[in-house]
Amino acid sequence: MKISYDKKIDAMYIYLTSKRKQITETKELDDGWIADYAGEELVGIEILDASKVLGAKLGFKPSRYPSAIAHTIKVKK
C-alpha cells in the first residue's frame, strides 16, 4: 500500500496494490471519495478535500507535509 498527498489540490490517493494496473472503472463512493477498479479488483481510493475530510478525524495537518508524500506500508502475511 502506498499513500500520496498533493497539497496543491488537497487530494490524497491510497494505492491498494503495488503493481500498476489499468483502471477500468471509477465509482464515487461518497461525496469526495472515489474508488478505482481494475476489473473487479479495487486498486485505489482518492479522497478529495483530504485535509477537511480527514483533518478532524485523524488530526491530519497538510502544512506538516511537503507537496507530495509517499508512504509504503508492509503487511505481514
N, C-alpha and C. Protein backbone atom coordinates (compact mmCIF):
# COMPACT_ATOMS: atom_id res chain seq x y z
N MET A 1 0.84 -1.16 0.00
CA MET A 1 0.00 0.00 0.00
C MET A 1 0.89 1.23 0.00
N LYS A 2 0.47 2.24 -0.75
CA LYS A 2 1.22 3.49 -0.84
C LYS A 2 0.21 4.63 -0.75
N ILE A 3 0.56 5.68 -0.05
CA ILE A 3 -0.33 6.83 0.09
C ILE A 3 0.40 8.07 -0.41
N SER A 4 -0.26 8.85 -1.25
CA SER A 4 0.33 10.11 -1.69
C SER A 4 -0.65 11.24 -1.42
N TYR A 5 -0.10 12.43 -1.20
CA TYR A 5 -0.92 13.61 -0.93
C TYR A 5 -0.42 14.76 -1.79
N ASP A 6 -1.33 15.42 -2.46
CA ASP A 6 -1.00 16.58 -3.28
C ASP A 6 -1.57 17.81 -2.57
N LYS A 7 -0.68 18.60 -2.01
CA LYS A 7 -1.06 19.78 -1.22
C LYS A 7 -1.78 20.83 -2.07
N LYS A 8 -1.36 20.97 -3.34
CA LYS A 8 -1.95 21.98 -4.22
C LYS A 8 -3.46 21.78 -4.40
N ILE A 9 -3.84 20.54 -4.61
CA ILE A 9 -5.26 20.27 -4.85
C ILE A 9 -5.94 19.62 -3.64
N ASP A 10 -5.19 19.44 -2.55
CA ASP A 10 -5.72 18.86 -1.31
C ASP A 10 -6.40 17.52 -1.55
N ALA A 11 -5.67 16.63 -2.22
CA ALA A 11 -6.21 15.30 -2.53
C ALA A 11 -5.22 14.23 -2.08
N MET A 12 -5.75 13.18 -1.53
CA MET A 12 -4.95 12.04 -1.10
C MET A 12 -5.34 10.84 -1.95
N TYR A 13 -4.35 10.04 -2.33
CA TYR A 13 -4.63 8.83 -3.09
C TYR A 13 -4.01 7.66 -2.35
N ILE A 14 -4.79 6.63 -2.15
CA ILE A 14 -4.34 5.41 -1.48
C ILE A 14 -4.25 4.31 -2.54
N TYR A 15 -3.03 3.88 -2.82
CA TYR A 15 -2.79 2.80 -3.77
C TYR A 15 -2.89 1.49 -3.00
N LEU A 16 -3.80 0.61 -3.38
CA LEU A 16 -4.01 -0.63 -2.66
C LEU A 16 -3.24 -1.81 -3.23
N THR A 17 -2.54 -1.57 -4.33
CA THR A 17 -1.72 -2.62 -4.94
C THR A 17 -0.39 -2.01 -5.35
N SER A 18 0.66 -2.80 -5.27
CA SER A 18 1.98 -2.28 -5.63
C SER A 18 2.21 -2.32 -7.14
N LYS A 19 1.46 -3.13 -7.85
CA LYS A 19 1.61 -3.22 -9.30
C LYS A 19 0.64 -2.26 -9.97
N ARG A 20 1.16 -1.52 -10.95
CA ARG A 20 0.34 -0.57 -11.70
C ARG A 20 -0.63 -1.36 -12.57
N LYS A 21 -1.92 -1.05 -12.45
CA LYS A 21 -2.94 -1.75 -13.21
C LYS A 21 -3.80 -0.75 -13.97
N GLN A 22 -4.33 -1.19 -15.08
CA GLN A 22 -5.20 -0.35 -15.90
C GLN A 22 -6.54 -0.18 -15.20
N ILE A 23 -6.90 1.06 -14.92
CA ILE A 23 -8.18 1.34 -14.28
C ILE A 23 -9.28 1.21 -15.32
N THR A 24 -10.26 0.37 -15.01
CA THR A 24 -11.35 0.13 -15.95
C THR A 24 -12.65 0.78 -15.52
N GLU A 25 -12.74 1.14 -14.24
CA GLU A 25 -13.97 1.75 -13.74
C GLU A 25 -13.67 2.64 -12.54
N THR A 26 -14.36 3.75 -12.46
CA THR A 26 -14.24 4.67 -11.34
C THR A 26 -15.64 4.91 -10.79
N LYS A 27 -15.76 4.77 -9.46
CA LYS A 27 -17.07 4.98 -8.82
C LYS A 27 -16.92 5.98 -7.69
N GLU A 28 -17.89 6.89 -7.59
CA GLU A 28 -17.91 7.81 -6.45
C GLU A 28 -18.63 7.10 -5.32
N LEU A 29 -17.92 6.87 -4.22
CA LEU A 29 -18.47 6.15 -3.08
C LEU A 29 -19.31 7.06 -2.21
N ASP A 30 -18.82 8.27 -2.03
CA ASP A 30 -19.47 9.28 -1.21
C ASP A 30 -18.95 10.61 -1.71
N ASP A 31 -19.44 11.68 -1.21
CA ASP A 31 -19.00 12.99 -1.65
C ASP A 31 -17.50 13.15 -1.41
N GLY A 32 -16.72 13.18 -2.49
CA GLY A 32 -15.28 13.36 -2.38
C GLY A 32 -14.48 12.09 -2.19
N TRP A 33 -15.12 10.93 -2.17
CA TRP A 33 -14.44 9.64 -2.04
C TRP A 33 -14.64 8.88 -3.34
N ILE A 34 -13.54 8.57 -4.03
CA ILE A 34 -13.61 7.96 -5.35
C ILE A 34 -12.82 6.65 -5.35
N ALA A 35 -13.42 5.59 -5.86
CA ALA A 35 -12.77 4.27 -5.91
C ALA A 35 -12.42 3.94 -7.34
N ASP A 36 -11.21 3.42 -7.56
CA ASP A 36 -10.76 2.99 -8.87
C ASP A 36 -10.65 1.47 -8.89
N TYR A 37 -11.16 0.87 -9.96
CA TYR A 37 -11.16 -0.59 -10.10
C TYR A 37 -10.43 -1.01 -11.37
N ALA A 38 -9.77 -2.14 -11.29
CA ALA A 38 -9.20 -2.83 -12.46
C ALA A 38 -10.00 -4.13 -12.54
N GLY A 39 -10.98 -4.14 -13.42
CA GLY A 39 -11.92 -5.27 -13.43
C GLY A 39 -12.75 -5.20 -12.16
N GLU A 40 -12.76 -6.27 -11.39
CA GLU A 40 -13.49 -6.29 -10.13
C GLU A 40 -12.61 -5.98 -8.92
N GLU A 41 -11.31 -5.77 -9.15
CA GLU A 41 -10.36 -5.51 -8.07
C GLU A 41 -10.28 -4.02 -7.75
N LEU A 42 -10.47 -3.69 -6.48
CA LEU A 42 -10.31 -2.31 -6.01
C LEU A 42 -8.81 -2.03 -5.94
N VAL A 43 -8.33 -1.04 -6.71
CA VAL A 43 -6.90 -0.78 -6.77
C VAL A 43 -6.49 0.55 -6.13
N GLY A 44 -7.46 1.45 -5.90
CA GLY A 44 -7.11 2.72 -5.28
C GLY A 44 -8.31 3.51 -4.86
N ILE A 45 -8.07 4.41 -3.90
CA ILE A 45 -9.12 5.30 -3.41
C ILE A 45 -8.56 6.71 -3.36
N GLU A 46 -9.31 7.65 -3.92
CA GLU A 46 -8.93 9.06 -3.89
C GLU A 46 -9.85 9.78 -2.92
N ILE A 47 -9.27 10.65 -2.10
CA ILE A 47 -10.04 11.45 -1.15
C ILE A 47 -9.82 12.91 -1.50
N LEU A 48 -10.86 13.57 -1.97
CA LEU A 48 -10.79 14.99 -2.31
C LEU A 48 -11.03 15.82 -1.06
N ASP A 49 -10.44 17.00 -1.00
CA ASP A 49 -10.51 17.86 0.19
C ASP A 49 -10.05 17.09 1.42
N ALA A 50 -8.93 16.40 1.27
CA ALA A 50 -8.43 15.48 2.30
C ALA A 50 -8.21 16.14 3.65
N SER A 51 -7.69 17.35 3.66
CA SER A 51 -7.43 17.99 4.95
C SER A 51 -8.72 18.28 5.71
N LYS A 52 -9.79 18.57 4.98
CA LYS A 52 -11.09 18.81 5.62
C LYS A 52 -11.74 17.50 6.05
N VAL A 53 -11.70 16.52 5.16
CA VAL A 53 -12.35 15.24 5.42
C VAL A 53 -11.65 14.46 6.53
N LEU A 54 -10.33 14.40 6.46
CA LEU A 54 -9.57 13.59 7.41
C LEU A 54 -9.05 14.38 8.60
N GLY A 55 -8.96 15.69 8.45
CA GLY A 55 -8.38 16.52 9.50
C GLY A 55 -8.99 16.32 10.86
N ALA A 56 -10.27 16.42 10.96
CA ALA A 56 -10.94 16.30 12.25
C ALA A 56 -10.85 14.89 12.80
N LYS A 57 -10.91 13.90 11.93
CA LYS A 57 -10.93 12.51 12.37
C LYS A 57 -9.56 11.98 12.74
N LEU A 58 -8.53 12.40 12.00
CA LEU A 58 -7.20 11.82 12.18
C LEU A 58 -6.15 12.81 12.64
N GLY A 59 -6.51 14.04 12.82
CA GLY A 59 -5.52 15.05 13.19
C GLY A 59 -4.58 15.36 12.03
N PHE A 60 -5.05 15.18 10.81
CA PHE A 60 -4.26 15.38 9.60
C PHE A 60 -4.07 16.87 9.36
N LYS A 61 -2.82 17.31 9.27
CA LYS A 61 -2.49 18.71 9.02
C LYS A 61 -1.58 18.78 7.80
N PRO A 62 -2.11 19.17 6.63
CA PRO A 62 -1.30 19.18 5.41
C PRO A 62 -0.10 20.10 5.48
N SER A 63 -0.13 21.09 6.33
CA SER A 63 1.00 22.01 6.43
C SER A 63 2.26 21.31 6.94
N ARG A 64 2.10 20.16 7.57
CA ARG A 64 3.25 19.40 8.09
C ARG A 64 3.89 18.52 7.02
N TYR A 65 3.31 18.48 5.82
CA TYR A 65 3.81 17.60 4.76
C TYR A 65 4.26 18.42 3.56
N PRO A 66 5.20 17.89 2.80
CA PRO A 66 5.57 18.55 1.54
C PRO A 66 4.43 18.39 0.53
N SER A 67 4.60 18.94 -0.65
CA SER A 67 3.52 18.91 -1.64
C SER A 67 3.12 17.51 -2.07
N ALA A 68 4.00 16.56 -1.95
CA ALA A 68 3.63 15.17 -2.25
C ALA A 68 4.37 14.28 -1.26
N ILE A 69 3.66 13.36 -0.68
CA ILE A 69 4.28 12.42 0.24
C ILE A 69 3.96 11.01 -0.21
N ALA A 70 4.81 10.10 0.10
CA ALA A 70 4.55 8.70 -0.23
C ALA A 70 4.97 7.84 0.95
N HIS A 71 4.13 6.94 1.29
CA HIS A 71 4.41 6.00 2.37
C HIS A 71 4.19 4.60 1.85
N THR A 72 5.00 3.70 2.29
CA THR A 72 4.81 2.30 1.96
C THR A 72 4.54 1.57 3.25
N ILE A 73 3.47 0.80 3.25
CA ILE A 73 3.11 0.03 4.43
C ILE A 73 3.24 -1.45 4.08
N LYS A 74 4.06 -2.15 4.84
CA LYS A 74 4.23 -3.57 4.60
C LYS A 74 3.27 -4.35 5.47
N VAL A 75 2.57 -5.27 4.86
CA VAL A 75 1.61 -6.08 5.58
C VAL A 75 2.19 -7.48 5.75
N LYS A 76 2.25 -7.93 7.00
CA LYS A 76 2.75 -9.28 7.26
C LYS A 76 1.71 -10.30 6.86
N LYS A 77 2.16 -11.36 6.24
CA LYS A 77 1.23 -12.42 5.81
C LYS A 77 1.20 -13.54 6.81
